[in-house]
Amino acid sequence: MPSVTCFRFRFTPSWLMICIATLSFTLLASLGFWQLHRANEKKNMLLAEHLQRKQKPLLWDSNKTLPQQYQLLQVEGVYLPYIFLLDNQYHRHQWGFDVLSPMLLAGGQVVLIDRGWVLGDSTRQSFPKIITPMERLPIQGQVYYPSSKQWVLGPAVEKKNDKLSILEKIDTQIAEQILQKKVYPFIIRLDRKENYGFLRDWAIVSMAPERHLAYAWQWFSMALAVFILFIVLNVKRNEKTNN
C-alpha cells in the first residue's frame, strides 16, 4: 500500500481505492469533455444553418455538384406516386410522421422532399391520406443530410403496400432500393411558403448547446467530488509520537 507523509498527516490509500477512484474520475471527466465536444458541434451546426439561410436559394439540378448542408435550393421535378412516412416524429407531444415524397428530377435521379409533419393514428390501424400533385412543379427548400450515426431497434423499413413504406430513420439507400432509382444522399425540407406541404417546424439540433454545457459542468463537478472524497477518506493524522 502506498504511503505519503506530510507534516502531521499521512496519505495511505489502498490499491483498490486508487483503482476505483482513478476509473471513476477518468470516466466522469471523459463524459464532461464529450459534452463539451457535443456543445461545440451543436454551435457549429446552428452557425452553419444561420449562414446558409442568409444566402439566396441556388437553382440546382443534377449537372451541379452536391449542395452543402442547410443550403437553400430551388429544384424542379415531378413527384413520384410513392410515400415514405418517417416514424416516431413528435410535435408538441403528439405522435406522427414526417411525409417524405420522392421527386424525379430532369436527369432521372430522385431527391426526397420532406413535406412536413402529419398527425398519426395511435392505434396504427390507419395511416394519413397524403395528396400529392402529379404535375411538374418548382419547389424551394433547405438541404438536410441525415446523420450517419442513426440507429434503430428492429427493421429500418416496413412496406405497407406498393405505394407506402414506413421508415424508422431517413435512409436514402433504402429509398433507392424500393424505388429502383438513383436517390441523392440528402433530402430537401420544403419551405414553409411552398404549397402541398404540412406542418413544417424542424429543429436544427435536438438539444441546445447550453444544455450540453450544463451537463458537462455536472460531470466535471462529480469528477471533482470523487477526487476530494478520495483525498479525504485516505488522509489520516500521523499518530506517531516522540519518546
C-alpha atoms as a PDB file:
ATOM      1  CA  MET A   1       0.000   0.000   0.000  1.00  0.00           C
ATOM      2  CA  PRO A   2       1.488   3.398  -0.986  1.00  0.00           C
ATOM      3  CA  SER A   3       2.011   5.939   1.755  1.00  0.00           C
ATOM      4  CA  VAL A   4       2.964   9.618   1.730  1.00  0.00           C
ATOM      5  CA  THR A   5       3.649  11.609   4.891  1.00  0.00           C
ATOM      6  CA  CYS A   6       3.372  15.375   5.034  1.00  0.00           C
ATOM      7  CA  PHE A   7       3.740  17.224   8.331  1.00  0.00           C
ATOM      8  CA  ARG A   8       1.262  15.623  10.742  1.00  0.00           C
ATOM      9  CA  PHE A   9      -0.742  13.800   8.082  1.00  0.00           C
ATOM     10  CA  ARG A  10      -0.334  10.538   6.266  1.00  0.00           C
ATOM     11  CA  PHE A  11      -1.900   9.685   2.876  1.00  0.00           C
ATOM     12  CA  THR A  12      -2.349   5.900   2.724  1.00  0.00           C
ATOM     13  CA  PRO A  13      -4.832   4.785   0.054  1.00  0.00           C
ATOM     14  CA  SER A  14      -5.205   1.102  -0.758  1.00  0.00           C
ATOM     15  CA  TRP A  15      -4.566  -0.106  -4.290  1.00  0.00           C
ATOM     16  CA  LEU A  16      -8.259  -0.959  -4.612  1.00  0.00           C
ATOM     17  CA  MET A  17      -9.222   2.577  -3.595  1.00  0.00           C
ATOM     18  CA  ILE A  18      -6.725   4.023  -6.088  1.00  0.00           C
ATOM     19  CA  CYS A  19      -8.146   1.914  -8.928  1.00  0.00           C
ATOM     20  CA  ILE A  20     -11.757   2.782  -8.111  1.00  0.00           C
ATOM     21  CA  ALA A  21     -11.035   6.496  -7.760  1.00  0.00           C
ATOM     22  CA  THR A  22      -8.932   6.629 -10.935  1.00  0.00           C
ATOM     23  CA  LEU A  23     -11.527   4.821 -13.034  1.00  0.00           C
ATOM     24  CA  SER A  24     -14.382   6.913 -11.649  1.00  0.00           C
ATOM     25  CA  PHE A  25     -12.545  10.205 -12.126  1.00  0.00           C
ATOM     26  CA  THR A  26     -11.468   9.286 -15.670  1.00  0.00           C
ATOM     27  CA  LEU A  27     -14.968   8.204 -16.671  1.00  0.00           C
ATOM     28  CA  LEU A  28     -16.667  11.305 -15.257  1.00  0.00           C
ATOM     29  CA  ALA A  29     -14.100  13.682 -16.745  1.00  0.00           C
ATOM     30  CA  SER A  30     -14.385  11.939 -20.136  1.00  0.00           C
ATOM     31  CA  LEU A  31     -18.150  12.385 -20.085  1.00  0.00           C
ATOM     32  CA  GLY A  32     -17.651  16.060 -19.318  1.00  0.00           C
ATOM     33  CA  PHE A  33     -15.272  16.541 -22.246  1.00  0.00           C
ATOM     34  CA  TRP A  34     -17.665  14.604 -24.508  1.00  0.00           C
ATOM     35  CA  GLN A  35     -20.456  17.012 -23.582  1.00  0.00           C
ATOM     36  CA  LEU A  36     -18.171  19.964 -24.368  1.00  0.00           C
ATOM     37  CA  HIS A  37     -17.458  18.388 -27.753  1.00  0.00           C
ATOM     38  CA  ARG A  38     -21.178  17.943 -28.414  1.00  0.00           C
ATOM     39  CA  ALA A  39     -21.844  21.560 -27.415  1.00  0.00           C
ATOM     40  CA  ASN A  40     -19.236  22.723 -29.919  1.00  0.00           C
ATOM     41  CA  GLU A  41     -20.766  20.514 -32.622  1.00  0.00           C
ATOM     42  CA  LYS A  42     -24.224  21.963 -31.991  1.00  0.00           C
ATOM     43  CA  LYS A  43     -22.885  25.534 -32.089  1.00  0.00           C
ATOM     44  CA  ASN A  44     -21.266  24.839 -35.458  1.00  0.00           C
ATOM     45  CA  MET A  45     -24.487  23.323 -36.805  1.00  0.00           C
ATOM     46  CA  LEU A  46     -26.553  26.326 -35.731  1.00  0.00           C
ATOM     47  CA  LEU A  47     -23.988  28.733 -37.166  1.00  0.00           C
ATOM     48  CA  ALA A  48     -23.854  26.855 -40.484  1.00  0.00           C
ATOM     49  CA  GLU A  49     -27.642  26.870 -40.769  1.00  0.00           C
ATOM     50  CA  HIS A  50     -27.801  30.581 -39.948  1.00  0.00           C
ATOM     51  CA  LEU A  51     -25.194  31.464 -42.569  1.00  0.00           C
ATOM     52  CA  GLN A  52     -26.836  29.338 -45.262  1.00  0.00           C
ATOM     53  CA  ARG A  53     -30.264  30.803 -44.570  1.00  0.00           C
ATOM     54  CA  LYS A  54     -28.907  34.287 -45.302  1.00  0.00           C
ATOM     55  CA  GLN A  55     -27.869  33.209 -48.823  1.00  0.00           C
ATOM     56  CA  LYS A  56     -30.087  33.307 -51.893  1.00  0.00           C
ATOM     57  CA  PRO A  57     -31.545  29.949 -52.997  1.00  0.00           C
ATOM     58  CA  LEU A  58     -29.487  28.130 -55.621  1.00  0.00           C
ATOM     59  CA  LEU A  59     -31.247  26.881 -58.756  1.00  0.00           C
ATOM     60  CA  TRP A  60     -29.954  23.328 -58.626  1.00  0.00           C
ATOM     61  CA  ASP A  61     -30.040  20.352 -60.986  1.00  0.00           C
ATOM     62  CA  SER A  62     -28.192  17.081 -61.493  1.00  0.00           C
ATOM     63  CA  ASN A  63     -25.420  18.764 -63.501  1.00  0.00           C
ATOM     64  CA  LYS A  64     -24.208  20.675 -60.448  1.00  0.00           C
ATOM     65  CA  THR A  65     -22.113  19.375 -57.566  1.00  0.00           C
ATOM     66  CA  LEU A  66     -23.854  18.160 -54.433  1.00  0.00           C
ATOM     67  CA  PRO A  67     -25.120  21.030 -52.280  1.00  0.00           C
ATOM     68  CA  GLN A  68     -23.897  21.856 -48.799  1.00  0.00           C
ATOM     69  CA  GLN A  69     -25.691  21.063 -45.567  1.00  0.00           C
ATOM     70  CA  TYR A  70     -28.560  23.532 -44.919  1.00  0.00           C
ATOM     71  CA  GLN A  71     -28.126  25.205 -48.317  1.00  0.00           C
ATOM     72  CA  LEU A  72     -31.275  26.728 -49.811  1.00  0.00           C
ATOM     73  CA  LEU A  73     -32.184  25.146 -53.146  1.00  0.00           C
ATOM     74  CA  GLN A  74     -34.705  25.512 -55.919  1.00  0.00           C
ATOM     75  CA  VAL A  75     -35.389  22.371 -57.935  1.00  0.00           C
ATOM     76  CA  GLU A  76     -37.968  21.342 -60.492  1.00  0.00           C
ATOM     77  CA  GLY A  77     -39.414  17.896 -60.958  1.00  0.00           C
ATOM     78  CA  VAL A  78     -42.365  15.545 -60.691  1.00  0.00           C
ATOM     79  CA  TYR A  79     -43.451  13.785 -57.519  1.00  0.00           C
ATOM     80  CA  LEU A  80     -43.494  10.012 -57.875  1.00  0.00           C
ATOM     81  CA  PRO A  81     -46.659   8.220 -56.700  1.00  0.00           C
ATOM     82  CA  TYR A  82     -44.966   6.841 -53.599  1.00  0.00           C
ATOM     83  CA  ILE A  83     -44.899   7.972 -49.968  1.00  0.00           C
ATOM     84  CA  PHE A  84     -42.374   7.345 -47.222  1.00  0.00           C
ATOM     85  CA  LEU A  85     -43.594   8.093 -43.702  1.00  0.00           C
ATOM     86  CA  LEU A  86     -40.804   8.778 -41.202  1.00  0.00           C
ATOM     87  CA  ASP A  87     -41.965   7.198 -37.954  1.00  0.00           C
ATOM     88  CA  ASN A  88     -41.841   8.500 -34.369  1.00  0.00           C
ATOM     89  CA  GLN A  89     -41.889  12.211 -35.113  1.00  0.00           C
ATOM     90  CA  TYR A  90     -43.366  14.424 -32.396  1.00  0.00           C
ATOM     91  CA  HIS A  91     -44.879  17.876 -32.381  1.00  0.00           C
ATOM     92  CA  ARG A  92     -45.997  19.340 -29.054  1.00  0.00           C
ATOM     93  CA  HIS A  93     -46.044  15.866 -27.508  1.00  0.00           C
ATOM     94  CA  GLN A  94     -48.223  14.487 -30.299  1.00  0.00           C
ATOM     95  CA  TRP A  95     -47.006  11.487 -32.248  1.00  0.00           C
ATOM     96  CA  GLY A  96     -46.983  11.433 -36.010  1.00  0.00           C
ATOM     97  CA  PHE A  97     -44.952  11.136 -39.191  1.00  0.00           C
ATOM     98  CA  ASP A  98     -42.843  13.282 -41.463  1.00  0.00           C
ATOM     99  CA  VAL A  99     -44.013  12.889 -45.062  1.00  0.00           C
ATOM    100  CA  LEU A 100     -41.181  12.161 -47.495  1.00  0.00           C
ATOM    101  CA  SER A 101     -42.164  12.324 -51.156  1.00  0.00           C
ATOM    102  CA  PRO A 102     -39.691  11.274 -53.864  1.00  0.00           C
ATOM    103  CA  MET A 103     -39.313  13.865 -56.624  1.00  0.00           C
ATOM    104  CA  LEU A 104     -37.973  12.821 -60.014  1.00  0.00           C
ATOM    105  CA  LEU A 105     -35.652  15.447 -61.482  1.00  0.00           C
ATOM    106  CA  ALA A 106     -34.899  16.052 -65.150  1.00  0.00           C
ATOM    107  CA  GLY A 107     -31.701  13.988 -65.061  1.00  0.00           C
ATOM    108  CA  GLY A 108     -33.560  10.876 -63.915  1.00  0.00           C
ATOM    109  CA  GLN A 109     -32.351  10.997 -60.308  1.00  0.00           C
ATOM    110  CA  VAL A 110     -34.622  11.276 -57.295  1.00  0.00           C
ATOM    111  CA  VAL A 111     -34.468  13.553 -54.267  1.00  0.00           C
ATOM    112  CA  LEU A 112     -36.656  13.020 -51.206  1.00  0.00           C
ATOM    113  CA  ILE A 113     -38.754  16.043 -50.263  1.00  0.00           C
ATOM    114  CA  ASP A 114     -39.723  16.357 -46.607  1.00  0.00           C
ATOM    115  CA  ARG A 115     -43.156  17.939 -46.845  1.00  0.00           C
ATOM    116  CA  GLY A 116     -43.650  18.235 -43.102  1.00  0.00           C
ATOM    117  CA  TRP A 117     -45.357  16.603 -40.149  1.00  0.00           C
ATOM    118  CA  VAL A 118     -48.775  14.934 -40.001  1.00  0.00           C
ATOM    119  CA  LEU A 119     -50.628  13.503 -37.017  1.00  0.00           C
ATOM    120  CA  GLY A 120     -50.589   9.715 -36.739  1.00  0.00           C
ATOM    121  CA  ASP A 121     -53.196   7.227 -35.568  1.00  0.00           C
ATOM    122  CA  SER A 122     -52.015   5.926 -32.188  1.00  0.00           C
ATOM    123  CA  THR A 123     -53.605   2.531 -32.901  1.00  0.00           C
ATOM    124  CA  ARG A 124     -51.585   2.238 -36.119  1.00  0.00           C
ATOM    125  CA  GLN A 125     -54.649   0.791 -37.806  1.00  0.00           C
ATOM    126  CA  SER A 126     -54.697   3.547 -40.408  1.00  0.00           C
ATOM    127  CA  PHE A 127     -52.239   5.961 -41.959  1.00  0.00           C
ATOM    128  CA  PRO A 128     -52.583   9.560 -43.125  1.00  0.00           C
ATOM    129  CA  LYS A 129     -54.001  10.030 -46.598  1.00  0.00           C
ATOM    130  CA  ILE A 130     -51.458  12.119 -48.452  1.00  0.00           C
ATOM    131  CA  ILE A 131     -52.483  14.034 -51.561  1.00  0.00           C
ATOM    132  CA  THR A 132     -49.602  14.511 -53.969  1.00  0.00           C
ATOM    133  CA  PRO A 133     -49.661  16.722 -57.084  1.00  0.00           C
ATOM    134  CA  MET A 134     -48.755  14.917 -60.288  1.00  0.00           C
ATOM    135  CA  GLU A 135     -47.725  17.851 -62.487  1.00  0.00           C
ATOM    136  CA  ARG A 136     -44.172  19.114 -62.902  1.00  0.00           C
ATOM    137  CA  LEU A 137     -43.507  21.941 -60.488  1.00  0.00           C
ATOM    138  CA  PRO A 138     -40.691  24.008 -59.000  1.00  0.00           C
ATOM    139  CA  ILE A 139     -40.098  23.874 -55.262  1.00  0.00           C
ATOM    140  CA  GLN A 140     -37.795  25.567 -52.783  1.00  0.00           C
ATOM    141  CA  GLY A 141     -36.370  24.164 -49.588  1.00  0.00           C
ATOM    142  CA  GLN A 142     -33.359  23.544 -47.396  1.00  0.00           C
ATOM    143  CA  VAL A 143     -30.854  20.738 -47.825  1.00  0.00           C
ATOM    144  CA  TYR A 144     -30.515  18.264 -44.987  1.00  0.00           C
ATOM    145  CA  TYR A 145     -28.008  15.410 -44.919  1.00  0.00           C
ATOM    146  CA  PRO A 146     -29.194  12.819 -42.385  1.00  0.00           C
ATOM    147  CA  SER A 147     -26.714  11.778 -39.729  1.00  0.00           C
ATOM    148  CA  SER A 148     -24.762   8.590 -40.366  1.00  0.00           C
ATOM    149  CA  LYS A 149     -24.943   7.839 -36.620  1.00  0.00           C
ATOM    150  CA  GLN A 150     -28.640   6.995 -36.632  1.00  0.00           C
ATOM    151  CA  TRP A 151     -29.555   3.598 -35.247  1.00  0.00           C
ATOM    152  CA  VAL A 152     -32.820   1.761 -34.775  1.00  0.00           C
ATOM    153  CA  LEU A 153     -34.074  -1.295 -32.950  1.00  0.00           C
ATOM    154  CA  GLY A 154     -35.603  -3.723 -35.396  1.00  0.00           C
ATOM    155  CA  PRO A 155     -36.248  -3.313 -39.126  1.00  0.00           C
ATOM    156  CA  ALA A 156     -35.416   0.088 -40.629  1.00  0.00           C
ATOM    157  CA  VAL A 157     -38.329  -0.049 -43.085  1.00  0.00           C
ATOM    158  CA  GLU A 158     -41.797  -1.581 -43.200  1.00  0.00           C
ATOM    159  CA  LYS A 159     -43.579  -1.771 -46.532  1.00  0.00           C
ATOM    160  CA  LYS A 160     -47.325  -1.320 -46.112  1.00  0.00           C
ATOM    161  CA  ASN A 161     -48.319  -1.560 -49.765  1.00  0.00           C
ATOM    162  CA  ASP A 162     -46.944  -0.836 -53.230  1.00  0.00           C
ATOM    163  CA  LYS A 163     -47.265   2.925 -52.621  1.00  0.00           C
ATOM    164  CA  LEU A 164     -46.362   3.324 -48.942  1.00  0.00           C
ATOM    165  CA  SER A 165     -43.442   2.474 -46.649  1.00  0.00           C
ATOM    166  CA  ILE A 166     -42.762   3.353 -43.013  1.00  0.00           C
ATOM    167  CA  LEU A 167     -39.177   4.397 -42.276  1.00  0.00           C
ATOM    168  CA  GLU A 168     -37.586   4.278 -38.835  1.00  0.00           C
ATOM    169  CA  LYS A 169     -34.854   6.668 -39.981  1.00  0.00           C
ATOM    170  CA  ILE A 170     -34.036   8.747 -43.038  1.00  0.00           C
ATOM    171  CA  ASP A 171     -32.153   6.332 -45.273  1.00  0.00           C
ATOM    172  CA  THR A 172     -31.752   7.287 -48.917  1.00  0.00           C
ATOM    173  CA  GLN A 173     -30.212   3.897 -49.729  1.00  0.00           C
ATOM    174  CA  ILE A 174     -33.376   2.136 -48.600  1.00  0.00           C
ATOM    175  CA  ALA A 175     -35.429   4.550 -50.703  1.00  0.00           C
ATOM    176  CA  GLU A 176     -33.156   3.764 -53.653  1.00  0.00           C
ATOM    177  CA  GLN A 177     -33.766   0.031 -53.269  1.00  0.00           C
ATOM    178  CA  ILE A 178     -37.532   0.456 -53.071  1.00  0.00           C
ATOM    179  CA  LEU A 179     -37.846   2.946 -55.919  1.00  0.00           C
ATOM    180  CA  GLN A 180     -35.228   1.253 -58.109  1.00  0.00           C
ATOM    181  CA  LYS A 181     -33.864   4.680 -58.997  1.00  0.00           C
ATOM    182  CA  LYS A 182     -30.800   6.693 -58.046  1.00  0.00           C
ATOM    183  CA  VAL A 183     -31.599   8.724 -54.903  1.00  0.00           C
ATOM    184  CA  TYR A 184     -29.453  11.636 -53.767  1.00  0.00           C
ATOM    185  CA  PRO A 185     -27.873  11.292 -50.281  1.00  0.00           C
ATOM    186  CA  PHE A 186     -29.719  14.339 -48.942  1.00  0.00           C
ATOM    187  CA  ILE A 187     -33.325  15.419 -48.555  1.00  0.00           C
ATOM    188  CA  ILE A 188     -34.917  18.814 -49.111  1.00  0.00           C
ATOM    189  CA  ARG A 189     -37.064  20.242 -46.345  1.00  0.00           C
ATOM    190  CA  LEU A 190     -39.882  22.020 -48.111  1.00  0.00           C
ATOM    191  CA  ASP A 191     -40.040  25.761 -47.487  1.00  0.00           C
ATOM    192  CA  ARG A 192     -42.975  26.930 -45.360  1.00  0.00           C
ATOM    193  CA  LYS A 193     -44.180  29.163 -48.204  1.00  0.00           C
ATOM    194  CA  GLU A 194     -44.481  26.254 -50.638  1.00  0.00           C
ATOM    195  CA  ASN A 195     -47.784  24.550 -51.407  1.00  0.00           C
ATOM    196  CA  TYR A 196     -48.561  20.853 -50.877  1.00  0.00           C
ATOM    197  CA  GLY A 197     -46.795  20.775 -47.545  1.00  0.00           C
ATOM    198  CA  PHE A 198     -47.836  20.043 -43.984  1.00  0.00           C
ATOM    199  CA  LEU A 199     -46.633  21.306 -40.602  1.00  0.00           C
ATOM    200  CA  ARG A 200     -43.021  22.400 -41.116  1.00  0.00           C
ATOM    201  CA  ASP A 201     -41.147  23.135 -37.905  1.00  0.00           C
ATOM    202  CA  TRP A 202     -37.882  21.221 -37.992  1.00  0.00           C
ATOM    203  CA  ALA A 203     -35.356  21.567 -35.194  1.00  0.00           C
ATOM    204  CA  ILE A 204     -31.775  22.119 -36.337  1.00  0.00           C
ATOM    205  CA  VAL A 205     -30.415  20.450 -33.202  1.00  0.00           C
ATOM    206  CA  SER A 206     -32.153  18.074 -30.817  1.00  0.00           C
ATOM    207  CA  MET A 207     -30.509  19.678 -27.776  1.00  0.00           C
ATOM    208  CA  ALA A 208     -29.262  23.243 -27.374  1.00  0.00           C
ATOM    209  CA  PRO A 209     -25.510  23.799 -26.814  1.00  0.00           C
ATOM    210  CA  GLU A 210     -26.282  25.386 -23.435  1.00  0.00           C
ATOM    211  CA  ARG A 211     -27.754  22.133 -22.151  1.00  0.00           C
ATOM    212  CA  HIS A 212     -24.657  20.222 -23.211  1.00  0.00           C
ATOM    213  CA  LEU A 213     -22.531  22.767 -21.325  1.00  0.00           C
ATOM    214  CA  ALA A 214     -24.706  22.344 -18.237  1.00  0.00           C
ATOM    215  CA  TYR A 215     -24.294  18.564 -18.409  1.00  0.00           C
ATOM    216  CA  ALA A 216     -20.544  18.991 -18.890  1.00  0.00           C
ATOM    217  CA  TRP A 217     -20.190  21.006 -15.705  1.00  0.00           C
ATOM    218  CA  GLN A 218     -22.271  18.413 -13.856  1.00  0.00           C
ATOM    219  CA  TRP A 219     -19.870  15.651 -14.914  1.00  0.00           C
ATOM    220  CA  PHE A 220     -16.830  17.767 -14.039  1.00  0.00           C
ATOM    221  CA  SER A 221     -18.341  18.572 -10.633  1.00  0.00           C
ATOM    222  CA  MET A 222     -18.877  14.879  -9.960  1.00  0.00           C
ATOM    223  CA  ALA A 223     -15.281  14.133 -11.008  1.00  0.00           C
ATOM    224  CA  LEU A 224     -14.027  16.819  -8.616  1.00  0.00           C
ATOM    225  CA  ALA A 225     -16.206  15.382  -5.846  1.00  0.00           C
ATOM    226  CA  VAL A 226     -14.696  11.922  -6.407  1.00  0.00           C
ATOM    227  CA  PHE A 227     -11.182  13.383  -6.206  1.00  0.00           C
ATOM    228  CA  ILE A 228     -11.921  15.298  -2.990  1.00  0.00           C
ATOM    229  CA  LEU A 229     -13.598  12.262  -1.426  1.00  0.00           C
ATOM    230  CA  PHE A 230     -10.615  10.105  -2.365  1.00  0.00           C
ATOM    231  CA  ILE A 231      -8.253  12.517  -0.589  1.00  0.00           C
ATOM    232  CA  VAL A 232     -10.428  12.971   2.496  1.00  0.00           C
ATOM    233  CA  LEU A 233     -11.013   9.247   3.033  1.00  0.00           C
ATOM    234  CA  ASN A 234      -7.338   8.397   2.784  1.00  0.00           C
ATOM    235  CA  VAL A 235      -5.683  11.202   4.754  1.00  0.00           C
ATOM    236  CA  LYS A 236      -5.099  10.374   8.404  1.00  0.00           C
ATOM    237  CA  ARG A 237      -3.399  12.221  11.209  1.00  0.00           C
ATOM    238  CA  ASN A 238       0.041  10.848  11.959  1.00  0.00           C
ATOM    239  CA  GLU A 239      -0.268   9.376  15.442  1.00  0.00           C
ATOM    240  CA  LYS A 240       3.448   8.641  15.853  1.00  0.00           C
ATOM    241  CA  THR A 241       4.841  10.437  18.933  1.00  0.00           C
ATOM    242  CA  ASN A 242       8.405  11.138  20.033  1.00  0.00           C
ATOM    243  CA  ASN A 243       9.582   9.375  23.227  1.00  0.00           C
END
